[in-house]
Amino acid sequence: MNANAHPQVGRFQPPDVRRRQILDAVAALLLEDGYEALTVSKVATRAGVAKGTVYLYFDSKQEMLAALQARLWEGILETPAALLDRADLTWTQRLDGLVAAWVTAEHQHHELYHRLFHELGPAGEEPLIAARALLVTILTEGHNVGEFDVPDPELTADFLTHAYAGPCHHNTDTDTDIIPAIQGLFRRVVAAHSDR
C-alpha cells in the first residue's frame, strides 16, 4: 500500500463518511503539494478509495475544491448562527461571538484557508455570501432594538466582512490573542450601545 494512502475503515462506508474522507484527502494534499499537483488519482489514493469512487461524489477537481470551501465556511458559521437563537445574549454579544468564531477558525485553518480562498479564489458559490447574510441579520436586529447605530446594515456588513480579514491575514501568530481588539473595532464601527 502507498505510504500516503490511508487504510480504509471498512469497504462499505455511508456516503457522508466517504465524502468526508475524500474532502479530508483534498485538504491534506492541498497543504502538502498545492493546487497544481492535486489530481483525482492522488485524492483517491490518499482517501483509500478507487478513482471511480471519487467521481461518484465529485465530477471534477473544481467541484472538490468548491465542496471543501463550503465545508470550511459551514464550520466557521456554525457557532455564530447558533447565537442568533440565544435570547439571553445582547446583539453586541452575538456580534462578538461571530468575530471570535471567524478569527479562531481562520487561525486554526490559516494555511488551508489561505490556499483555498486567497490563492485559488471561490471555486463555487461565493463563500462570504452566508457570512455576510449572518452579519446583516445581527446588524439589522441590533439596530432595530437600538443597540447599534447602523442605518445601512448591508453596506456595513460588506465593510466588516472584508475588513476583518486584514488583521487575520497579517497576524498569523496563534499565540497572539487579537480577538478582543477586532471585537472592539467591530463594536466601534456599529456604535454599539450595549451594557456588556
N, C-alpha and C. Protein backbone atom coordinates (compact mmCIF):
# COMPACT_ATOMS: atom_id res chain seq x y z
N MET A 1 0.84 -1.18 0.00
CA MET A 1 0.00 0.00 0.00
C MET A 1 0.88 1.24 0.00
N ASN A 2 0.49 2.26 -0.73
CA ASN A 2 1.21 3.52 -0.81
C ASN A 2 1.34 4.13 0.58
N ALA A 3 2.49 4.71 0.87
CA ALA A 3 2.72 5.29 2.20
C ALA A 3 1.79 6.47 2.48
N ASN A 4 1.36 7.17 1.41
CA ASN A 4 0.45 8.30 1.59
C ASN A 4 -1.00 7.89 1.68
N ALA A 5 -1.29 6.66 1.33
CA ALA A 5 -2.67 6.20 1.38
C ALA A 5 -3.08 5.90 2.81
N HIS A 6 -4.31 6.14 3.09
CA HIS A 6 -4.83 5.82 4.40
C HIS A 6 -5.66 4.56 4.29
N PRO A 7 -5.49 3.63 5.20
CA PRO A 7 -6.26 2.40 5.11
C PRO A 7 -7.75 2.67 5.20
N GLN A 8 -8.51 1.91 4.47
CA GLN A 8 -9.95 2.06 4.51
C GLN A 8 -10.47 1.60 5.87
N VAL A 9 -11.49 2.28 6.32
CA VAL A 9 -12.10 1.92 7.59
C VAL A 9 -13.31 1.06 7.29
N GLY A 10 -13.13 0.05 6.53
CA GLY A 10 -14.25 -0.77 6.08
C GLY A 10 -14.52 -0.50 4.61
N ARG A 11 -14.83 -1.53 3.92
CA ARG A 11 -15.02 -1.39 2.48
C ARG A 11 -16.24 -0.54 2.13
N PHE A 12 -17.31 -0.74 2.86
CA PHE A 12 -18.53 0.00 2.58
C PHE A 12 -18.74 1.05 3.65
N GLN A 13 -18.76 2.29 3.22
CA GLN A 13 -18.95 3.42 4.13
C GLN A 13 -20.21 4.18 3.72
N PRO A 14 -20.91 4.76 4.69
CA PRO A 14 -22.04 5.62 4.33
C PRO A 14 -21.55 6.77 3.46
N PRO A 15 -22.39 7.29 2.58
CA PRO A 15 -21.97 8.36 1.67
C PRO A 15 -21.36 9.57 2.37
N ASP A 16 -21.91 9.98 3.52
CA ASP A 16 -21.36 11.15 4.20
C ASP A 16 -19.95 10.89 4.73
N VAL A 17 -19.70 9.67 5.18
CA VAL A 17 -18.36 9.31 5.67
C VAL A 17 -17.39 9.28 4.50
N ARG A 18 -17.79 8.66 3.41
CA ARG A 18 -16.92 8.57 2.24
C ARG A 18 -16.60 9.97 1.68
N ARG A 19 -17.63 10.81 1.64
CA ARG A 19 -17.44 12.18 1.13
C ARG A 19 -16.46 12.94 2.02
N ARG A 20 -16.61 12.77 3.34
CA ARG A 20 -15.70 13.42 4.27
C ARG A 20 -14.27 12.92 4.09
N GLN A 21 -14.09 11.62 3.88
CA GLN A 21 -12.75 11.06 3.66
C GLN A 21 -12.11 11.68 2.41
N ILE A 22 -12.91 11.83 1.37
CA ILE A 22 -12.38 12.40 0.13
C ILE A 22 -11.98 13.86 0.34
N LEU A 23 -12.84 14.63 1.00
CA LEU A 23 -12.51 16.04 1.24
C LEU A 23 -11.34 16.20 2.20
N ASP A 24 -11.21 15.30 3.17
CA ASP A 24 -10.04 15.33 4.06
C ASP A 24 -8.77 15.10 3.25
N ALA A 25 -8.85 14.19 2.28
CA ALA A 25 -7.69 13.92 1.42
C ALA A 25 -7.35 15.13 0.56
N VAL A 26 -8.36 15.80 0.02
CA VAL A 26 -8.14 17.01 -0.77
C VAL A 26 -7.43 18.06 0.07
N ALA A 27 -7.91 18.28 1.30
CA ALA A 27 -7.31 19.28 2.18
C ALA A 27 -5.86 18.95 2.48
N ALA A 28 -5.58 17.69 2.81
CA ALA A 28 -4.21 17.29 3.13
C ALA A 28 -3.28 17.47 1.93
N LEU A 29 -3.74 17.10 0.76
CA LEU A 29 -2.91 17.22 -0.44
C LEU A 29 -2.68 18.68 -0.83
N LEU A 30 -3.69 19.50 -0.67
CA LEU A 30 -3.52 20.93 -0.95
C LEU A 30 -2.43 21.53 -0.06
N LEU A 31 -2.46 21.16 1.22
CA LEU A 31 -1.48 21.69 2.16
C LEU A 31 -0.08 21.16 1.87
N GLU A 32 0.01 19.91 1.44
CA GLU A 32 1.32 19.30 1.18
C GLU A 32 1.94 19.74 -0.13
N ASP A 33 1.13 19.71 -1.20
CA ASP A 33 1.71 19.88 -2.54
C ASP A 33 1.14 21.05 -3.34
N GLY A 34 0.07 21.66 -2.89
CA GLY A 34 -0.53 22.77 -3.61
C GLY A 34 -1.52 22.32 -4.67
N TYR A 35 -2.19 23.30 -5.25
CA TYR A 35 -3.27 23.05 -6.20
C TYR A 35 -2.79 22.38 -7.48
N GLU A 36 -1.69 22.85 -8.02
CA GLU A 36 -1.22 22.35 -9.32
C GLU A 36 -0.94 20.85 -9.28
N ALA A 37 -0.46 20.36 -8.16
CA ALA A 37 -0.12 18.94 -8.05
C ALA A 37 -1.33 18.07 -7.70
N LEU A 38 -2.46 18.69 -7.39
CA LEU A 38 -3.64 17.95 -6.97
C LEU A 38 -4.28 17.23 -8.16
N THR A 39 -4.48 15.92 -8.03
CA THR A 39 -5.16 15.14 -9.06
C THR A 39 -6.19 14.23 -8.40
N VAL A 40 -7.15 13.80 -9.20
CA VAL A 40 -8.16 12.89 -8.68
C VAL A 40 -7.50 11.58 -8.25
N SER A 41 -6.50 11.13 -8.99
CA SER A 41 -5.80 9.88 -8.63
C SER A 41 -5.14 10.00 -7.26
N LYS A 42 -4.48 11.12 -7.02
CA LYS A 42 -3.83 11.32 -5.72
C LYS A 42 -4.86 11.39 -4.60
N VAL A 43 -5.98 12.05 -4.86
CA VAL A 43 -7.05 12.14 -3.87
C VAL A 43 -7.57 10.75 -3.53
N ALA A 44 -7.79 9.94 -4.57
CA ALA A 44 -8.30 8.58 -4.35
C ALA A 44 -7.32 7.77 -3.51
N THR A 45 -6.05 7.84 -3.85
CA THR A 45 -5.03 7.10 -3.11
C THR A 45 -4.99 7.55 -1.65
N ARG A 46 -5.00 8.86 -1.47
CA ARG A 46 -4.92 9.41 -0.11
C ARG A 46 -6.16 9.03 0.72
N ALA A 47 -7.32 9.00 0.06
CA ALA A 47 -8.57 8.67 0.77
C ALA A 47 -8.76 7.17 0.94
N GLY A 48 -7.94 6.37 0.25
CA GLY A 48 -8.05 4.92 0.34
C GLY A 48 -9.24 4.37 -0.41
N VAL A 49 -9.58 5.03 -1.53
CA VAL A 49 -10.71 4.59 -2.35
C VAL A 49 -10.26 4.48 -3.81
N ALA A 50 -11.09 3.87 -4.62
CA ALA A 50 -10.82 3.80 -6.06
C ALA A 50 -11.08 5.16 -6.69
N LYS A 51 -10.39 5.43 -7.79
CA LYS A 51 -10.57 6.70 -8.50
C LYS A 51 -12.04 6.88 -8.91
N GLY A 52 -12.67 5.79 -9.33
CA GLY A 52 -14.08 5.86 -9.72
C GLY A 52 -14.98 6.27 -8.58
N THR A 53 -14.60 5.91 -7.36
CA THR A 53 -15.39 6.30 -6.19
C THR A 53 -15.38 7.81 -6.02
N VAL A 54 -14.23 8.43 -6.26
CA VAL A 54 -14.15 9.89 -6.16
C VAL A 54 -15.13 10.52 -7.13
N TYR A 55 -15.19 9.96 -8.35
CA TYR A 55 -16.09 10.52 -9.37
C TYR A 55 -17.56 10.28 -9.06
N LEU A 56 -17.86 9.35 -8.18
CA LEU A 56 -19.25 9.18 -7.75
C LEU A 56 -19.72 10.38 -6.93
N TYR A 57 -18.77 11.05 -6.28
CA TYR A 57 -19.09 12.17 -5.41
C TYR A 57 -18.80 13.53 -6.03
N PHE A 58 -17.78 13.60 -6.88
CA PHE A 58 -17.35 14.88 -7.45
C PHE A 58 -16.99 14.68 -8.92
N ASP A 59 -17.49 15.57 -9.77
CA ASP A 59 -17.24 15.47 -11.21
C ASP A 59 -15.88 16.00 -11.62
N SER A 60 -15.28 16.84 -10.77
CA SER A 60 -14.02 17.47 -11.17
C SER A 60 -13.24 17.94 -9.95
N LYS A 61 -12.04 18.35 -10.20
CA LYS A 61 -11.19 18.93 -9.16
C LYS A 61 -11.82 20.22 -8.63
N GLN A 62 -12.39 21.02 -9.53
CA GLN A 62 -13.05 22.26 -9.12
C GLN A 62 -14.22 21.99 -8.18
N GLU A 63 -14.97 20.93 -8.47
CA GLU A 63 -16.11 20.59 -7.62
C GLU A 63 -15.64 20.15 -6.24
N MET A 64 -14.53 19.44 -6.17
CA MET A 64 -13.97 19.06 -4.86
C MET A 64 -13.56 20.29 -4.07
N LEU A 65 -12.92 21.25 -4.75
CA LEU A 65 -12.48 22.47 -4.08
C LEU A 65 -13.68 23.29 -3.59
N ALA A 66 -14.72 23.38 -4.41
CA ALA A 66 -15.92 24.11 -4.01
C ALA A 66 -16.55 23.47 -2.77
N ALA A 67 -16.58 22.14 -2.74
CA ALA A 67 -17.15 21.42 -1.59
C ALA A 67 -16.29 21.63 -0.34
N LEU A 68 -14.98 21.66 -0.52
CA LEU A 68 -14.08 21.88 0.62
C LEU A 68 -14.23 23.31 1.15
N GLN A 69 -14.34 24.27 0.25
CA GLN A 69 -14.57 25.65 0.67
C GLN A 69 -15.89 25.77 1.44
N ALA A 70 -16.94 25.14 0.90
CA ALA A 70 -18.24 25.20 1.57
C ALA A 70 -18.19 24.55 2.94
N ARG A 71 -17.48 23.42 3.05
CA ARG A 71 -17.38 22.73 4.34
C ARG A 71 -16.65 23.59 5.36
N LEU A 72 -15.58 24.26 4.93
CA LEU A 72 -14.83 25.11 5.84
C LEU A 72 -15.70 26.26 6.34
N TRP A 73 -16.45 26.90 5.44
CA TRP A 73 -17.30 28.02 5.85
C TRP A 73 -18.47 27.56 6.70
N GLU A 74 -19.00 26.37 6.42
CA GLU A 74 -20.08 25.85 7.28
C GLU A 74 -19.59 25.72 8.71
N GLY A 75 -18.38 25.23 8.88
CA GLY A 75 -17.80 25.12 10.22
C GLY A 75 -17.58 26.47 10.87
N ILE A 76 -17.15 27.44 10.07
CA ILE A 76 -16.91 28.78 10.60
C ILE A 76 -18.21 29.44 11.04
N LEU A 77 -19.29 29.17 10.33
CA LEU A 77 -20.56 29.85 10.60
C LEU A 77 -21.45 29.11 11.61
N GLU A 78 -21.12 27.88 11.93
CA GLU A 78 -21.99 27.07 12.80
C GLU A 78 -22.21 27.72 14.15
N THR A 79 -21.15 28.13 14.82
CA THR A 79 -21.27 28.73 16.16
C THR A 79 -22.00 30.07 16.13
N PRO A 80 -21.60 31.02 15.26
CA PRO A 80 -22.32 32.29 15.27
C PRO A 80 -23.78 32.16 14.85
N ALA A 81 -24.10 31.21 13.97
CA ALA A 81 -25.50 31.01 13.57
C ALA A 81 -26.32 30.55 14.77
N ALA A 82 -25.74 29.72 15.61
CA ALA A 82 -26.45 29.23 16.80
C ALA A 82 -26.71 30.37 17.79
N LEU A 83 -25.86 31.40 17.77
CA LEU A 83 -26.03 32.52 18.69
C LEU A 83 -27.28 33.34 18.39
N LEU A 84 -27.75 33.29 17.15
CA LEU A 84 -28.94 34.07 16.78
C LEU A 84 -30.15 33.69 17.62
N ASP A 85 -30.23 32.43 18.03
CA ASP A 85 -31.38 31.95 18.79
C ASP A 85 -31.24 32.14 20.29
N ARG A 86 -30.14 32.71 20.73
CA ARG A 86 -29.89 32.88 22.16
C ARG A 86 -30.49 34.20 22.66
N ALA A 87 -31.69 34.14 23.20
CA ALA A 87 -32.38 35.33 23.69
C ALA A 87 -31.68 35.95 24.90
N ASP A 88 -30.82 35.18 25.57
CA ASP A 88 -30.12 35.69 26.75
C ASP A 88 -28.92 36.56 26.39
N LEU A 89 -28.60 36.66 25.10
CA LEU A 89 -27.44 37.44 24.66
C LEU A 89 -27.89 38.77 24.05
N THR A 90 -27.08 39.79 24.27
CA THR A 90 -27.31 41.05 23.57
C THR A 90 -26.83 40.88 22.13
N TRP A 91 -27.20 41.83 21.28
CA TRP A 91 -26.73 41.76 19.89
C TRP A 91 -25.22 42.03 19.83
N THR A 92 -24.71 42.78 20.77
CA THR A 92 -23.26 43.00 20.84
C THR A 92 -22.55 41.69 21.17
N GLN A 93 -23.12 40.92 22.10
CA GLN A 93 -22.52 39.63 22.44
C GLN A 93 -22.59 38.67 21.25
N ARG A 94 -23.67 38.73 20.49
CA ARG A 94 -23.77 37.90 19.29
C ARG A 94 -22.72 38.32 18.26
N LEU A 95 -22.55 39.63 18.11
CA LEU A 95 -21.53 40.14 17.18
C LEU A 95 -20.14 39.71 17.63
N ASP A 96 -19.88 39.82 18.94
CA ASP A 96 -18.59 39.37 19.48
C ASP A 96 -18.38 37.88 19.21
N GLY A 97 -19.44 37.09 19.35
CA GLY A 97 -19.33 35.65 19.10
C GLY A 97 -19.02 35.35 17.65
N LEU A 98 -19.62 36.11 16.74
CA LEU A 98 -19.34 35.94 15.32
C LEU A 98 -17.87 36.24 15.02
N VAL A 99 -17.39 37.36 15.55
CA VAL A 99 -15.99 37.74 15.34
C VAL A 99 -15.06 36.67 15.90
N ALA A 100 -15.33 36.22 17.11
CA ALA A 100 -14.47 35.21 17.74
C ALA A 100 -14.44 33.93 16.91
N ALA A 101 -15.59 33.52 16.40
CA ALA A 101 -15.65 32.29 15.59
C ALA A 101 -14.88 32.46 14.29
N TRP A 102 -15.05 33.59 13.62
CA TRP A 102 -14.34 33.83 12.36
C TRP A 102 -12.83 33.85 12.57
N VAL A 103 -12.39 34.62 13.54
CA VAL A 103 -10.94 34.76 13.76
C VAL A 103 -10.33 33.44 14.22
N THR A 104 -11.00 32.74 15.14
CA THR A 104 -10.49 31.46 15.63
C THR A 104 -10.37 30.46 14.49
N ALA A 105 -11.40 30.37 13.66
CA ALA A 105 -11.36 29.43 12.54
C ALA A 105 -10.26 29.79 11.56
N GLU A 106 -10.10 31.08 11.31
CA GLU A 106 -9.06 31.47 10.36
C GLU A 106 -7.67 31.15 10.91
N HIS A 107 -7.49 31.28 12.23
CA HIS A 107 -6.21 30.92 12.83
C HIS A 107 -6.01 29.40 12.82
N GLN A 108 -7.06 28.65 13.17
CA GLN A 108 -6.94 27.20 13.22
C GLN A 108 -6.68 26.59 11.84
N HIS A 109 -7.25 27.20 10.83
CA HIS A 109 -7.14 26.65 9.47
C HIS A 109 -6.44 27.64 8.55
N HIS A 110 -5.49 28.40 9.10
CA HIS A 110 -4.90 29.51 8.36
C HIS A 110 -4.34 29.09 7.00
N GLU A 111 -3.51 28.09 7.00
CA GLU A 111 -2.85 27.70 5.74
C GLU A 111 -3.88 27.18 4.72
N LEU A 112 -4.79 26.34 5.16
CA LEU A 112 -5.81 25.81 4.26
C LEU A 112 -6.71 26.95 3.77
N TYR A 113 -7.12 27.82 4.67
CA TYR A 113 -7.97 28.96 4.30
C TYR A 113 -7.25 29.82 3.25
N HIS A 114 -5.98 30.09 3.50
CA HIS A 114 -5.20 30.91 2.57
C HIS A 114 -5.13 30.24 1.19
N ARG A 115 -4.85 28.95 1.16
CA ARG A 115 -4.77 28.24 -0.12
C ARG A 115 -6.11 28.23 -0.85
N LEU A 116 -7.18 27.97 -0.10
CA LEU A 116 -8.50 27.84 -0.72
C LEU A 116 -9.08 29.16 -1.21
N PHE A 117 -8.89 30.22 -0.44
CA PHE A 117 -9.58 31.46 -0.76
C PHE A 117 -8.68 32.56 -1.31
N HIS A 118 -7.45 32.65 -0.83
CA HIS A 118 -6.57 33.71 -1.30
C HIS A 118 -5.80 33.31 -2.55
N GLU A 119 -5.35 32.07 -2.61
CA GLU A 119 -4.60 31.61 -3.78
C GLU A 119 -5.53 31.20 -4.92
N LEU A 120 -6.62 30.50 -4.59
CA LEU A 120 -7.48 29.94 -5.63
C LEU A 120 -8.71 30.78 -5.91
N GLY A 121 -9.22 31.48 -4.91
CA GLY A 121 -10.48 32.19 -5.08
C GLY A 121 -11.64 31.21 -4.98
N PRO A 122 -12.85 31.73 -4.93
CA PRO A 122 -14.02 30.84 -4.81
C PRO A 122 -14.13 29.88 -5.99
N ALA A 123 -14.29 28.59 -5.69
CA ALA A 123 -14.44 27.59 -6.74
C ALA A 123 -15.91 27.33 -7.05
N GLY A 124 -16.78 27.72 -6.15
CA GLY A 124 -18.21 27.54 -6.35
C GLY A 124 -18.92 28.80 -5.93
N GLU A 125 -20.01 28.66 -5.21
CA GLU A 125 -20.75 29.82 -4.73
C GLU A 125 -19.86 30.61 -3.79
N GLU A 126 -19.89 31.91 -3.94
CA GLU A 126 -19.07 32.79 -3.10
C GLU A 126 -19.29 32.47 -1.63
N PRO A 127 -18.24 32.03 -0.92
CA PRO A 127 -18.42 31.59 0.47
C PRO A 127 -18.79 32.70 1.44
N LEU A 128 -18.48 33.93 1.09
CA LEU A 128 -18.80 35.02 2.01
C LEU A 128 -20.28 35.40 1.99
N ILE A 129 -21.05 34.86 1.05
CA ILE A 129 -22.47 35.21 0.98
C ILE A 129 -23.18 34.84 2.29
N ALA A 130 -22.98 33.63 2.76
CA ALA A 130 -23.63 33.20 4.01
C ALA A 130 -23.09 33.97 5.21
N ALA A 131 -21.79 34.24 5.22
CA ALA A 131 -21.20 35.01 6.32
C ALA A 131 -21.77 36.42 6.34
N ARG A 132 -21.87 37.01 5.18
CA ARG A 132 -22.42 38.36 5.08
C ARG A 132 -23.88 38.39 5.51
N ALA A 133 -24.66 37.40 5.08
CA ALA A 133 -26.08 37.35 5.45
C ALA A 133 -26.25 37.25 6.96
N LEU A 134 -25.42 36.45 7.60
CA LEU A 134 -25.48 36.31 9.06
C LEU A 134 -25.15 37.63 9.74
N LEU A 135 -24.13 38.30 9.24
CA LEU A 135 -23.74 39.59 9.81
C LEU A 135 -24.83 40.64 9.58
N VAL A 136 -25.43 40.65 8.39
CA VAL A 136 -26.51 41.60 8.11
C VAL A 136 -27.66 41.39 9.10
N THR A 137 -27.99 40.14 9.38
CA THR A 137 -29.06 39.85 10.35
C THR A 137 -28.72 40.42 11.72
N ILE A 138 -27.51 40.19 12.20
CA ILE A 138 -27.09 40.69 13.51
C ILE A 138 -27.14 42.22 13.54
N LEU A 139 -26.62 42.85 12.49
CA LEU A 139 -26.60 44.31 12.46
C LEU A 139 -28.01 44.89 12.37
N THR A 140 -28.86 44.28 11.56
CA THR A 140 -30.24 44.76 11.40
C THR A 140 -31.00 44.65 12.71
N GLU A 141 -30.92 43.48 13.35
CA GLU A 141 -31.64 43.27 14.60
C GLU A 141 -31.09 44.17 15.71
N GLY A 142 -29.78 44.29 15.77
CA GLY A 142 -29.17 45.17 16.77
C GLY A 142 -29.58 46.62 16.57
N HIS A 143 -29.67 47.04 15.31
CA HIS A 143 -30.11 48.41 15.00
C HIS A 143 -31.59 48.60 15.37
N ASN A 144 -32.40 47.58 15.04
CA ASN A 144 -33.85 47.68 15.30
C ASN A 144 -34.18 47.83 16.78
N VAL A 145 -33.36 47.24 17.66
CA VAL A 145 -33.62 47.37 19.10
C VAL A 145 -32.86 48.54 19.73
N GLY A 146 -32.14 49.31 18.90
CA GLY A 146 -31.43 50.48 19.39
C GLY A 146 -30.08 50.19 20.00
N GLU A 147 -29.58 48.98 19.83
CA GLU A 147 -28.28 48.63 20.39
C GLU A 147 -27.13 49.08 19.49
N PHE A 148 -27.37 49.11 18.18
CA PHE A 148 -26.38 49.57 17.20
C PHE A 148 -26.92 50.80 16.48
N ASP A 149 -26.01 51.59 15.95
CA ASP A 149 -26.39 52.70 15.08
C ASP A 149 -25.87 52.35 13.68
N VAL A 150 -26.69 51.58 12.97
CA VAL A 150 -26.30 51.07 11.65
C VAL A 150 -27.46 51.29 10.67
N PRO A 151 -27.58 52.50 10.13
CA PRO A 151 -28.68 52.75 9.21
C PRO A 151 -28.60 51.97 7.91
N ASP A 152 -27.41 51.51 7.54
CA ASP A 152 -27.25 50.73 6.32
C ASP A 152 -26.53 49.41 6.65
N PRO A 153 -27.26 48.41 7.17
CA PRO A 153 -26.63 47.16 7.60
C PRO A 153 -25.89 46.42 6.48
N GLU A 154 -26.40 46.50 5.26
CA GLU A 154 -25.76 45.76 4.16
C GLU A 154 -24.41 46.35 3.80
N LEU A 155 -24.32 47.67 3.69
CA LEU A 155 -23.04 48.32 3.40
C LEU A 155 -22.05 48.08 4.55
N THR A 156 -22.55 48.20 5.77
CA THR A 156 -21.69 47.99 6.94
C THR A 156 -21.19 46.54 6.98
N ALA A 157 -22.05 45.59 6.65
CA ALA A 157 -21.64 44.17 6.62
C ALA A 157 -20.57 43.96 5.56
N ASP A 158 -20.73 44.59 4.39
CA ASP A 158 -19.70 44.46 3.34
C ASP A 158 -18.36 44.98 3.85
N PHE A 159 -18.40 46.13 4.51
CA PHE A 159 -17.18 46.72 5.05
C PHE A 159 -16.52 45.79 6.07
N LEU A 160 -17.32 45.29 7.01
CA LEU A 160 -16.77 44.48 8.09
C LEU A 160 -16.30 43.10 7.63
N THR A 161 -17.03 42.46 6.71
CA THR A 161 -16.60 41.12 6.28
C THR A 161 -15.27 41.18 5.56
N HIS A 162 -15.01 42.27 4.88
CA HIS A 162 -13.72 42.37 4.20
C HIS A 162 -12.64 42.96 5.09
N ALA A 163 -13.03 43.83 6.02
CA ALA A 163 -12.04 44.48 6.89
C ALA A 163 -11.43 43.53 7.90
N TYR A 164 -12.21 42.56 8.40
CA TYR A 164 -11.66 41.70 9.46
C TYR A 164 -10.55 40.80 8.93
N ALA A 165 -10.56 40.52 7.63
CA ALA A 165 -9.58 39.60 7.06
C ALA A 165 -8.16 40.15 7.14
N GLY A 166 -8.02 41.47 7.10
CA GLY A 166 -6.68 42.08 7.14
C GLY A 166 -5.89 41.68 8.38
N PRO A 167 -6.43 41.94 9.58
CA PRO A 167 -5.69 41.55 10.78
C PRO A 167 -5.45 40.03 10.86
N CYS A 168 -6.41 39.25 10.39
CA CYS A 168 -6.23 37.79 10.43
C CYS A 168 -5.12 37.36 9.48
N HIS A 169 -5.10 37.96 8.31
CA HIS A 169 -4.12 37.57 7.29
C HIS A 169 -2.71 37.97 7.70
N HIS A 170 -2.58 39.15 8.31
CA HIS A 170 -1.25 39.65 8.65
C HIS A 170 -0.78 39.24 10.04
N ASN A 171 -1.69 38.75 10.87
CA ASN A 171 -1.31 38.33 12.21
C ASN A 171 -1.60 36.83 12.33
N THR A 172 -0.63 36.03 11.92
CA THR A 172 -0.83 34.58 11.90
C THR A 172 -0.29 33.88 13.13
N ASP A 173 0.23 34.64 14.09
CA ASP A 173 0.74 34.05 15.33
C ASP A 173 -0.45 33.63 16.19
N THR A 174 -0.67 32.32 16.29
CA THR A 174 -1.84 31.83 17.01
C THR A 174 -1.74 32.06 18.52
N ASP A 175 -0.55 32.41 19.03
CA ASP A 175 -0.41 32.71 20.45
C ASP A 175 -0.85 34.14 20.77
N THR A 176 -0.99 34.97 19.75
CA THR A 176 -1.40 36.35 19.96
C THR A 176 -2.90 36.43 19.89
N ASP A 177 -3.51 36.90 20.97
CA ASP A 177 -4.97 36.96 21.01
C ASP A 177 -5.43 38.33 20.52
N ILE A 178 -5.80 38.38 19.23
CA ILE A 178 -6.27 39.63 18.66
C ILE A 178 -7.79 39.72 18.66
N ILE A 179 -8.45 38.69 19.14
CA ILE A 179 -9.93 38.67 19.08
C ILE A 179 -10.55 39.87 19.80
N PRO A 180 -10.16 40.18 21.06
CA PRO A 180 -10.79 41.34 21.72
C PRO A 180 -10.58 42.65 20.96
N ALA A 181 -9.43 42.81 20.35
CA ALA A 181 -9.16 44.04 19.60
C ALA A 181 -10.07 44.13 18.38
N ILE A 182 -10.24 43.01 17.67
CA ILE A 182 -11.11 43.02 16.49
C ILE A 182 -12.57 43.19 16.91
N GLN A 183 -12.96 42.57 18.01
CA GLN A 183 -14.32 42.77 18.53
C GLN A 183 -14.55 44.25 18.85
N GLY A 184 -13.55 44.88 19.45
CA GLY A 184 -13.66 46.30 19.76
C GLY A 184 -13.81 47.16 18.51
N LEU A 185 -13.08 46.82 17.46
CA LEU A 185 -13.21 47.55 16.20
C LEU A 185 -14.61 47.39 15.62
N PHE A 186 -15.12 46.16 15.62
CA PHE A 186 -16.49 45.92 15.12
C PHE A 186 -17.49 46.73 15.93
N ARG A 187 -17.35 46.73 17.26
CA ARG A 187 -18.30 47.46 18.11
C ARG A 187 -18.26 48.95 17.82
N ARG A 188 -17.05 49.49 17.59
CA ARG A 188 -16.95 50.92 17.29
C ARG A 188 -17.59 51.25 15.95
N VAL A 189 -17.39 50.39 14.96
CA VAL A 189 -17.98 50.63 13.64
C VAL A 189 -19.50 50.68 13.73
N VAL A 190 -20.09 49.81 14.54
CA VAL A 190 -21.57 49.75 14.63
C VAL A 190 -22.10 50.64 15.75
N ALA A 191 -21.19 51.36 16.42
CA ALA A 191 -21.59 52.24 17.53
C ALA A 191 -22.44 51.50 18.55
N ALA A 192 -21.92 50.37 19.02
CA ALA A 192 -22.67 49.51 19.96
C ALA A 192 -22.92 50.25 21.26
N HIS A 193 -24.18 50.16 21.75
CA HIS A 193 -24.58 50.83 23.00
C HIS A 193 -24.86 49.85 24.11
N SER A 194 -24.50 48.59 23.93
CA SER A 194 -24.84 47.55 24.91
C SER A 194 -24.11 47.76 26.23
N ASP A 195 -24.79 47.40 27.32
CA ASP A 195 -24.18 47.44 28.65
C ASP A 195 -23.50 46.12 28.94
N ARG A 196 -22.57 45.71 28.13
CA ARG A 196 -21.93 44.41 28.31
C ARG A 196 -21.18 44.36 29.62
